[in-house]
């Protein structure tokens, strides 16, 4: 998790970001906020390591929000979820 920091208070349209690494090349990544996929941008130093980031298309309502980050290689996958507040 690169941001927002879990539990932090952020702007209504926050940038959400994570880093993912694998022992083999990454095959897929995704990012969601409150169950809505965030169009992600990203890059990496190698095909095995990437930074993915994006922002919701509209302002989030005040309250607690859930971000989920996902990444996979051809044979393994992982996901992490965290909350932040607006």
Protein backbone atom coordinates (compact mmCIF):
# COMPACT_ATOMS: atom_id res chain seq x y z
CA UNK A 1 0.00 0.00 0.00
CA UNK A 2 1.50 3.31 -1.07
CA UNK A 3 -1.50 5.52 -0.41
CA UNK A 4 -3.62 6.69 1.07
CA UNK A 5 -2.18 5.41 4.30
CA UNK A 6 -4.63 3.04 6.03
CA UNK A 7 -6.95 4.97 8.32
CA UNK A 8 -5.90 8.37 7.01
CA UNK A 9 -8.15 11.29 6.08
CA UNK A 10 -7.86 12.37 2.45
CA UNK A 11 -9.35 14.68 -0.17
CA UNK A 12 -12.65 13.76 -1.82
CA UNK A 13 -10.80 12.55 -4.93
CA UNK A 14 -7.74 10.76 -3.56
CA UNK A 15 -4.93 9.17 -5.50
CA UNK A 16 -4.80 5.49 -4.58
CA UNK A 17 -1.60 3.55 -5.19
CA UNK A 18 0.12 0.25 -4.50
CA UNK A 19 3.25 -1.62 -5.44
CA UNK A 20 3.26 -5.27 -6.47
CA UNK A 21 6.16 -7.65 -7.02
CA UNK A 22 6.41 -11.22 -8.22
CA UNK A 23 9.01 -13.92 -8.67
CA UNK A 24 7.89 -14.10 -12.31
CA UNK A 25 6.46 -11.46 -14.66
CA UNK A 26 3.27 -9.74 -13.58
CA UNK A 27 0.26 -10.73 -15.68
CA UNK A 28 -2.54 -8.51 -14.32
CA UNK A 29 -3.26 -5.81 -11.76
CA UNK A 30 -6.41 -4.00 -10.67
CA UNK A 31 -7.51 -1.37 -8.18
CA UNK A 32 -10.96 -0.70 -6.71
CA UNK A 33 -12.43 1.91 -4.36
CA UNK A 34 -15.77 1.07 -2.77
CA UNK A 35 -16.26 -1.78 -5.24
CA UNK A 36 -15.77 0.41 -8.33
CA UNK A 37 -12.73 -0.27 -10.48
CA UNK A 38 -10.37 2.69 -10.68
CA UNK A 39 -8.74 3.18 -14.08
CA UNK A 40 -5.16 2.40 -13.18
CA UNK A 41 -1.95 3.76 -14.57
CA UNK A 42 1.36 2.25 -13.79
CA UNK A 43 4.83 1.28 -14.58
CA UNK A 44 7.75 -0.56 -13.17
CA UNK A 45 11.46 -0.99 -13.23
CA UNK A 46 11.09 -4.60 -14.37
CA UNK A 47 8.26 -6.88 -15.57
CA UNK A 48 8.30 -8.40 -12.07
CA UNK A 49 7.70 -5.15 -10.17
CA UNK A 50 5.10 -2.47 -10.74
CA UNK A 51 3.52 0.60 -9.18
CA UNK A 52 -0.16 1.04 -9.96
CA UNK A 53 -2.09 4.23 -9.20
CA UNK A 54 -5.30 6.01 -10.04
CA UNK A 55 -8.11 8.15 -8.68
CA UNK A 56 -11.87 7.71 -8.53
CA UNK A 57 -13.70 9.43 -11.39
CA UNK A 58 -15.96 11.38 -9.02
CA UNK A 59 -15.67 12.81 -5.53
CA UNK A 60 -16.21 10.34 -2.71
CA UNK A 61 -18.89 11.08 -0.15
CA UNK A 62 -17.71 11.89 3.38
CA UNK A 63 -17.08 8.75 5.39
CA UNK A 64 -15.07 5.54 5.37
CA UNK A 65 -13.99 4.00 2.08
CA UNK A 66 -12.42 0.66 1.13
CA UNK A 67 -9.61 0.26 -1.39
CA UNK A 68 -8.62 -3.12 -2.82
CA UNK A 69 -5.43 -3.75 -4.78
CA UNK A 70 -4.87 -6.95 -6.79
CA UNK A 71 -1.93 -8.37 -8.66
CA UNK A 72 -1.06 -11.70 -10.22
CA UNK A 73 1.54 -13.60 -12.17
CA UNK A 74 0.72 -16.60 -14.36
CA UNK A 75 0.53 -18.89 -11.29
CA UNK A 76 0.05 -16.78 -8.14
CA UNK A 77 -2.23 -13.93 -7.10
CA UNK A 78 -2.62 -11.65 -4.10
CA UNK A 79 -4.89 -8.86 -2.94
CA UNK A 80 -4.88 -6.38 -0.09
CA UNK A 81 -7.67 -4.18 1.25
CA UNK A 82 -7.55 -1.12 3.49
CA UNK A 83 -9.77 1.73 4.60
CA UNK A 84 -9.36 5.49 4.56
CA UNK A 85 -11.68 8.43 5.27
CA UNK A 86 -12.87 11.53 3.42
